[in-house]
Amino acid sequence: MRSPWKIPFYDPRILRSSFFTPPPFQPFSRKRKKKIAVAHTYLRMARIPKNLDLIRKRVAVYTGKQFSSFLIKKFMLGRKFGEFIVI
């Protein structure tokens, strides 16, 4: 557990807005599914920044075996990524 007097740890890659860019458009692919931009992170102990631009963004967090993805909602801001992983 992190001491309360230390500053919270944020994943620096999540703070970049270019990290949430959608995948490139492929006009001739056979799969016509809608591709959603997903940010991948391995840091479950990192906090979700209290940045309102992150609301309704999809994040995939590594559980040790696979990536578990979820949408960031308003009540999740300031909490850790690992709190919302269902194994």
Protein backbone atom coordinates (compact mmCIF):
# COMPACT_ATOMS: atom_id res chain seq x y z
CA MET A 1 0.00 0.00 0.00
CA ARG A 2 1.24 3.45 -0.89
CA SER A 3 1.77 5.92 1.95
CA PRO A 4 -0.84 8.71 2.10
CA TRP A 5 1.76 11.48 2.15
CA LYS A 6 3.13 10.47 -1.26
CA ILE A 7 1.62 11.86 -4.42
CA PRO A 8 -0.65 9.49 -6.40
CA PHE A 9 0.93 7.52 -9.25
CA TYR A 10 -0.50 8.10 -12.73
CA ASP A 11 0.45 6.21 -15.88
CA PRO A 12 2.11 8.85 -18.09
CA ARG A 13 0.90 7.14 -21.28
CA ILE A 14 -2.75 7.52 -20.23
CA LEU A 15 -2.29 11.27 -19.80
CA ARG A 16 -1.35 11.70 -23.48
CA SER A 17 -4.37 12.38 -25.65
CA SER A 18 -2.68 10.75 -28.64
CA PHE A 19 -2.78 7.45 -26.76
CA PHE A 20 -6.51 7.19 -27.48
CA THR A 21 -6.24 7.47 -31.25
CA PRO A 22 -8.50 5.08 -33.17
CA PRO A 23 -6.94 2.27 -35.20
CA PRO A 24 -6.22 3.01 -38.87
CA PHE A 25 -9.09 2.79 -41.33
CA GLN A 26 -9.07 -0.33 -43.51
CA PRO A 27 -11.60 0.14 -46.32
CA PHE A 28 -11.25 -3.32 -47.86
CA SER A 29 -11.29 -5.51 -44.76
CA ARG A 30 -13.84 -8.29 -44.54
CA LYS A 31 -14.70 -7.54 -40.95
CA ARG A 32 -17.00 -4.53 -40.82
CA LYS A 33 -17.05 -4.18 -37.03
CA LYS A 34 -16.77 -0.72 -35.58
CA LYS A 35 -13.24 -0.23 -34.29
CA ILE A 36 -12.99 1.60 -31.00
CA ALA A 37 -9.82 3.25 -29.73
CA VAL A 38 -8.51 1.32 -26.74
CA ALA A 39 -5.63 2.34 -24.47
CA HIS A 40 -3.69 -0.62 -23.10
CA THR A 41 -1.90 -0.50 -19.76
CA TYR A 42 -0.19 -3.02 -17.53
CA LEU A 43 -0.34 -0.87 -14.39
CA ARG A 44 -3.26 -1.86 -12.18
CA MET A 45 -1.89 0.23 -9.31
CA ALA A 46 -1.96 3.45 -11.36
CA ARG A 47 -4.75 5.91 -10.66
CA ILE A 48 -7.22 7.16 -13.24
CA PRO A 49 -6.49 10.89 -13.67
CA LYS A 50 -9.20 13.34 -12.68
CA ASN A 51 -9.36 14.60 -16.23
CA LEU A 52 -12.85 15.02 -17.66
CA ASP A 53 -11.54 14.28 -21.16
CA LEU A 54 -11.10 10.62 -20.19
CA ILE A 55 -14.79 10.00 -19.52
CA ARG A 56 -16.30 7.49 -21.98
CA LYS A 57 -12.86 6.30 -23.16
CA ARG A 58 -12.08 2.58 -23.30
CA VAL A 59 -9.10 1.25 -21.35
CA ALA A 60 -7.74 -2.31 -21.37
CA VAL A 61 -5.85 -3.34 -18.22
CA TYR A 62 -3.67 -6.46 -18.10
CA THR A 63 -4.77 -8.96 -15.44
CA GLY A 64 -1.74 -11.24 -15.70
CA LYS A 65 -3.40 -13.50 -18.24
CA GLN A 66 -5.43 -11.30 -20.55
CA PHE A 67 -6.56 -7.72 -21.07
CA SER A 68 -9.80 -6.69 -19.39
CA SER A 69 -11.39 -3.60 -20.96
CA PHE A 70 -13.92 -1.15 -19.56
CA LEU A 71 -15.23 2.35 -20.17
CA ILE A 72 -14.13 5.09 -17.78
CA LYS A 73 -17.11 6.70 -16.06
CA LYS A 74 -17.27 9.80 -13.90
CA PHE A 75 -17.29 7.95 -10.57
CA MET A 76 -14.08 6.08 -11.55
CA LEU A 77 -11.92 9.22 -11.71
CA GLY A 78 -9.26 9.29 -9.00
CA ARG A 79 -9.49 5.56 -8.25
CA LYS A 80 -7.12 2.78 -9.32
CA PHE A 81 -7.45 0.77 -12.52
CA GLY A 82 -7.27 -2.52 -10.63
CA GLU A 83 -10.48 -1.81 -8.70
CA PHE A 84 -12.62 -2.30 -11.80
CA ILE A 85 -11.17 -5.55 -13.12
CA VAL A 86 -13.40 -8.60 -12.94
CA ILE A 87 -11.39 -11.80 -13.12
